[in-house]
Amino acid sequence: MINVEIDARILAVCPGMKIGLLSADVVNGDTCDELWQLLEREAQAVKQHYELLAINQRPAIAATRKLYKALGKDPGRYRVASEALCRRIVRELGLYRLTTLIDVVNLVSVKSGYPISGLDADKIVGDTLTMGVGEKDEPYCGIGRGLLNIEGMPVYRDAQGGIATPTSDEERTKFTPSTRRVQININAFGDEMPLDECLSWTASLLEKYASATNIETMIKTDF
């Protein structure tokens, strides 16, 4: 299991944060109909339960937005990924059907409210991820977004640089059809879905739909 460290500036404003860590060997591919139907059902549940202006009041989303504000980042301009997914659902814009790994992460994020970092473990440089605060002009290419201004944003860095934020993961470590080992970090800056249940469910989804083996999980609280 990869080592995770947290910058004191983040712990100062979010002392109770927890991270659910999962690593596994997987097989990626096109999202099957059964997985897609699960995601559509969860999307329908979100649509029925939340109005647009209430999405940012979900506990996990609200806690992440609070952290952004404390670090000087505007969460309305740089939305948390789980919030952006739910807003898209409620606005009836639909979801993109992508690959199994991406859609498993999207499914868990929509249901739990947590921003999730889904990383190709073989592309992570070094054996430690450190969550710090984005710096001015720090290079970061968000998936499908191009250069992203991560100043004041929580960011995971490996030995080479930034690879994940609650708004968007980085192109360098993204899931691809050739991904064979994953590192998934479920970032609980505030409690919503019990994190042990969230981890267990994620593992079961990966087993069923991505032929996951050698699964390791833990909840990190001692930073």
Protein backbone atom coordinates (compact mmCIF):
# COMPACT_ATOMS: atom_id res chain seq x y z
CA MET A 1 0.00 0.00 0.00
CA ILE A 2 1.32 3.42 -0.97
CA ASN A 3 2.29 5.83 1.81
CA VAL A 4 0.17 8.99 2.11
CA GLU A 5 1.18 12.17 3.93
CA ILE A 6 -0.83 15.37 4.47
CA ASP A 7 0.50 18.93 4.62
CA ALA A 8 -0.01 20.65 7.97
CA ARG A 9 -1.84 23.53 6.24
CA ILE A 10 -4.61 21.15 5.22
CA LEU A 11 -4.80 19.39 8.58
CA ALA A 12 -5.04 22.78 10.31
CA VAL A 13 -8.36 23.52 8.61
CA CYS A 14 -9.59 19.93 8.20
CA PRO A 15 -8.25 18.02 11.23
CA GLY A 16 -10.80 15.21 11.06
CA MET A 17 -10.19 14.20 7.46
CA LYS A 18 -9.88 10.55 6.48
CA ILE A 19 -8.77 8.84 3.29
CA GLY A 20 -9.94 5.45 2.12
CA LEU A 21 -7.11 3.78 0.23
CA LEU A 22 -7.53 0.91 -2.22
CA SER A 23 -5.04 -0.77 -4.50
CA ALA A 24 -5.71 -3.69 -6.82
CA ASP A 25 -4.72 -5.47 -9.99
CA VAL A 26 -7.47 -4.96 -12.58
CA VAL A 27 -8.56 -5.40 -16.16
CA ASN A 28 -10.01 -2.29 -17.75
CA GLY A 29 -12.37 -2.17 -20.72
CA ASP A 30 -15.64 -0.78 -22.00
CA THR A 31 -18.35 -0.31 -19.38
CA CYS A 32 -20.76 -3.23 -19.51
CA ASP A 33 -24.54 -2.74 -19.56
CA GLU A 34 -25.01 -3.94 -15.97
CA LEU A 35 -22.52 -1.44 -14.54
CA TRP A 36 -23.98 1.35 -16.67
CA GLN A 37 -27.48 0.54 -15.39
CA LEU A 38 -26.20 0.79 -11.80
CA LEU A 39 -24.80 4.22 -12.56
CA GLU A 40 -28.02 5.32 -14.23
CA ARG A 41 -30.08 4.15 -11.25
CA GLU A 42 -27.86 6.04 -8.84
CA ALA A 43 -28.10 9.11 -11.05
CA GLN A 44 -31.88 8.85 -10.96
CA ALA A 45 -31.80 8.65 -7.16
CA VAL A 46 -29.71 11.82 -7.00
CA LYS A 47 -32.06 13.58 -9.40
CA GLN A 48 -35.08 12.65 -7.28
CA HIS A 49 -33.45 13.60 -3.98
CA TYR A 50 -31.65 16.87 -4.74
CA GLU A 51 -32.52 20.18 -6.28
CA LEU A 52 -29.66 21.93 -8.05
CA LEU A 53 -28.98 24.47 -5.31
CA ALA A 54 -29.00 21.77 -2.61
CA ILE A 55 -26.21 19.64 -4.07
CA ASN A 56 -23.46 21.68 -2.47
CA GLN A 57 -25.08 21.01 0.92
CA ARG A 58 -24.34 17.28 0.74
CA PRO A 59 -22.01 16.71 3.74
CA ALA A 60 -19.04 15.36 1.77
CA ILE A 61 -19.33 18.07 -0.88
CA ALA A 62 -19.90 20.85 1.65
CA ALA A 63 -16.81 19.79 3.62
CA THR A 64 -14.64 19.83 0.50
CA ARG A 65 -15.98 23.24 -0.52
CA LYS A 66 -15.22 24.50 3.00
CA LEU A 67 -11.62 23.30 2.63
CA TYR A 68 -11.30 25.07 -0.73
CA LYS A 69 -12.50 28.33 0.79
CA ALA A 70 -10.12 27.98 3.74
CA LEU A 71 -7.21 27.55 1.32
CA GLY A 72 -8.31 30.54 -0.77
CA LYS A 73 -9.89 28.66 -3.70
CA ASP A 74 -13.34 29.49 -5.09
CA PRO A 75 -15.34 26.21 -5.06
CA GLY A 76 -17.99 27.78 -7.28
CA ARG A 77 -15.49 28.34 -10.07
CA TYR A 78 -13.46 25.19 -9.49
CA ARG A 79 -16.13 22.67 -8.57
CA VAL A 80 -15.48 19.50 -6.65
CA ALA A 81 -15.74 16.56 -9.08
CA SER A 82 -18.54 14.83 -7.16
CA GLU A 83 -20.51 18.08 -7.10
CA ALA A 84 -19.97 18.59 -10.82
CA LEU A 85 -21.24 15.07 -11.56
CA CYS A 86 -24.35 15.54 -9.45
CA ARG A 87 -25.07 18.96 -10.95
CA ARG A 88 -24.81 17.45 -14.41
CA ILE A 89 -27.31 14.76 -13.41
CA VAL A 90 -29.83 17.19 -11.91
CA ARG A 91 -29.54 19.47 -14.95
CA GLU A 92 -30.36 16.44 -17.12
CA LEU A 93 -27.17 16.81 -19.15
CA GLY A 94 -26.45 13.10 -18.94
CA LEU A 95 -23.28 11.23 -18.06
CA TYR A 96 -20.59 10.00 -20.41
CA ARG A 97 -20.24 6.24 -20.72
CA LEU A 98 -16.50 5.70 -20.49
CA THR A 99 -14.42 2.74 -19.30
CA THR A 100 -15.08 0.35 -16.44
CA LEU A 101 -12.57 1.93 -14.05
CA ILE A 102 -13.75 5.48 -14.70
CA ASP A 103 -17.40 4.56 -14.35
CA VAL A 104 -16.83 2.60 -11.13
CA VAL A 105 -15.18 5.70 -9.64
CA ASN A 106 -18.01 7.90 -10.95
CA LEU A 107 -20.64 5.56 -9.50
CA VAL A 108 -19.03 5.55 -6.05
CA SER A 109 -18.51 9.31 -6.14
CA VAL A 110 -22.13 10.03 -7.09
CA LYS A 111 -23.49 7.76 -4.37
CA SER A 112 -21.07 8.77 -1.60
CA GLY A 113 -20.52 12.44 -2.40
CA TYR A 114 -16.77 11.99 -1.91
CA PRO A 115 -14.22 13.32 -4.41
CA ILE A 116 -12.19 10.29 -5.48
CA SER A 117 -8.70 10.17 -6.94
CA GLY A 118 -8.50 7.28 -9.43
CA LEU A 119 -4.91 6.69 -10.45
CA ASP A 120 -2.95 4.27 -12.61
CA ALA A 121 -0.61 2.95 -9.93
CA ASP A 122 2.09 2.01 -12.43
CA LYS A 123 2.41 5.66 -13.44
CA ILE A 124 2.92 6.96 -9.90
CA VAL A 125 6.55 7.96 -9.32
CA GLY A 126 7.92 6.88 -5.94
CA ASP A 127 6.26 5.19 -2.98
CA THR A 128 4.65 8.22 -1.31
CA LEU A 129 1.83 10.59 -2.14
CA THR A 130 1.73 13.92 -0.31
CA MET A 131 -1.40 16.04 -0.23
CA GLY A 132 -0.33 19.65 -0.16
CA VAL A 133 -1.61 23.01 -1.40
CA GLY A 134 -1.31 24.00 -5.03
CA GLU A 135 1.17 26.79 -5.76
CA LYS A 136 0.91 29.71 -8.14
CA ASP A 137 1.72 28.69 -11.74
CA GLU A 138 2.29 25.08 -10.69
CA PRO A 139 2.04 22.97 -13.88
CA TYR A 140 -1.00 20.70 -13.88
CA CYS A 141 -2.94 19.27 -16.82
CA GLY A 142 -6.42 18.24 -15.74
CA ILE A 143 -8.03 15.32 -17.57
CA GLY A 144 -9.96 16.78 -20.49
CA ARG A 145 -9.43 20.30 -19.13
CA GLY A 146 -5.95 21.28 -20.24
CA LEU A 147 -3.89 23.49 -17.95
CA LEU A 148 -5.68 23.87 -14.63
CA ASN A 149 -5.01 26.60 -12.08
CA ILE A 150 -4.52 24.56 -8.88
CA GLU A 151 -3.23 27.44 -6.74
CA GLY A 152 -4.91 27.12 -3.34
CA MET A 153 -6.35 23.69 -4.17
CA PRO A 154 -5.60 20.44 -2.28
CA VAL A 155 -3.30 18.41 -4.54
CA TYR A 156 -1.71 14.99 -4.31
CA ARG A 157 1.91 14.99 -5.50
CA ASP A 158 4.19 12.08 -6.24
CA ALA A 159 7.95 12.38 -6.70
CA GLN A 160 7.44 14.06 -10.07
CA GLY A 161 4.61 16.50 -9.31
CA GLY A 162 0.86 16.95 -8.96
CA ILE A 163 -1.36 14.04 -9.99
CA ALA A 164 -4.77 14.55 -8.35
CA THR A 165 -7.07 17.22 -6.92
CA PRO A 166 -10.71 17.01 -5.79
CA THR A 167 -11.62 18.91 -8.97
CA SER A 168 -9.73 16.85 -11.56
CA ASP A 169 -7.05 14.19 -11.73
CA GLU A 170 -3.98 14.78 -13.90
CA GLU A 171 -3.44 13.43 -17.40
CA ARG A 172 -0.17 11.72 -16.45
CA THR A 173 -1.70 9.13 -14.12
CA LYS A 174 -5.19 8.78 -15.60
CA PHE A 175 -6.89 5.44 -16.23
CA THR A 176 -6.47 4.09 -19.76
CA PRO A 177 -7.52 0.82 -21.41
CA SER A 178 -4.03 -0.50 -20.62
CA THR A 179 -4.24 0.25 -16.87
CA ARG A 180 -3.44 -2.91 -14.93
CA ARG A 181 -3.06 -1.66 -11.36
CA VAL A 182 -5.06 1.05 -9.63
CA GLN A 183 -4.58 3.33 -6.67
CA ILE A 184 -7.92 4.78 -5.54
CA ASN A 185 -8.09 7.41 -2.80
CA ILE A 186 -11.54 8.19 -1.41
CA ASN A 187 -11.11 11.65 0.11
CA ALA A 188 -13.38 12.16 3.10
CA PHE A 189 -12.90 15.76 4.19
CA GLY A 190 -16.24 15.36 6.00
CA ASP A 191 -18.41 12.34 6.71
CA GLU A 192 -21.25 11.16 4.50
CA MET A 193 -21.34 7.48 3.46
CA PRO A 194 -19.49 5.41 6.13
CA LEU A 195 -15.99 5.14 4.74
CA ASP A 196 -15.57 1.44 5.50
CA GLU A 197 -18.78 0.70 3.58
CA CYS A 198 -17.64 2.91 0.72
CA LEU A 199 -14.30 1.11 0.47
CA SER A 200 -15.92 -2.33 0.67
CA TRP A 201 -18.43 -1.44 -2.03
CA THR A 202 -15.71 -0.05 -4.30
CA ALA A 203 -13.71 -3.25 -3.89
CA SER A 204 -16.75 -5.40 -4.72
CA LEU A 205 -17.49 -3.34 -7.84
CA LEU A 206 -13.90 -3.75 -9.02
CA GLU A 207 -14.01 -7.48 -8.35
CA LYS A 208 -17.23 -7.90 -10.32
CA TYR A 209 -16.63 -5.58 -13.25
CA ALA A 210 -12.82 -5.19 -13.49
CA SER A 211 -11.72 -8.70 -12.44
CA ALA A 212 -9.84 -7.15 -9.50
CA THR A 213 -7.35 -9.28 -7.56
CA ASN A 214 -4.75 -8.60 -4.88
CA ILE A 215 -7.05 -5.98 -3.37
CA GLU A 216 -5.69 -4.02 -0.41
CA THR A 217 -7.70 -1.45 1.53
CA MET A 218 -7.17 0.74 4.56
CA ILE A 219 -8.56 3.88 6.12
CA LYS A 220 -5.88 6.47 6.80
CA THR A 221 -6.51 8.73 9.78
CA ASP A 222 -3.10 9.08 11.45
CA PHE A 223 -1.39 11.91 9.64
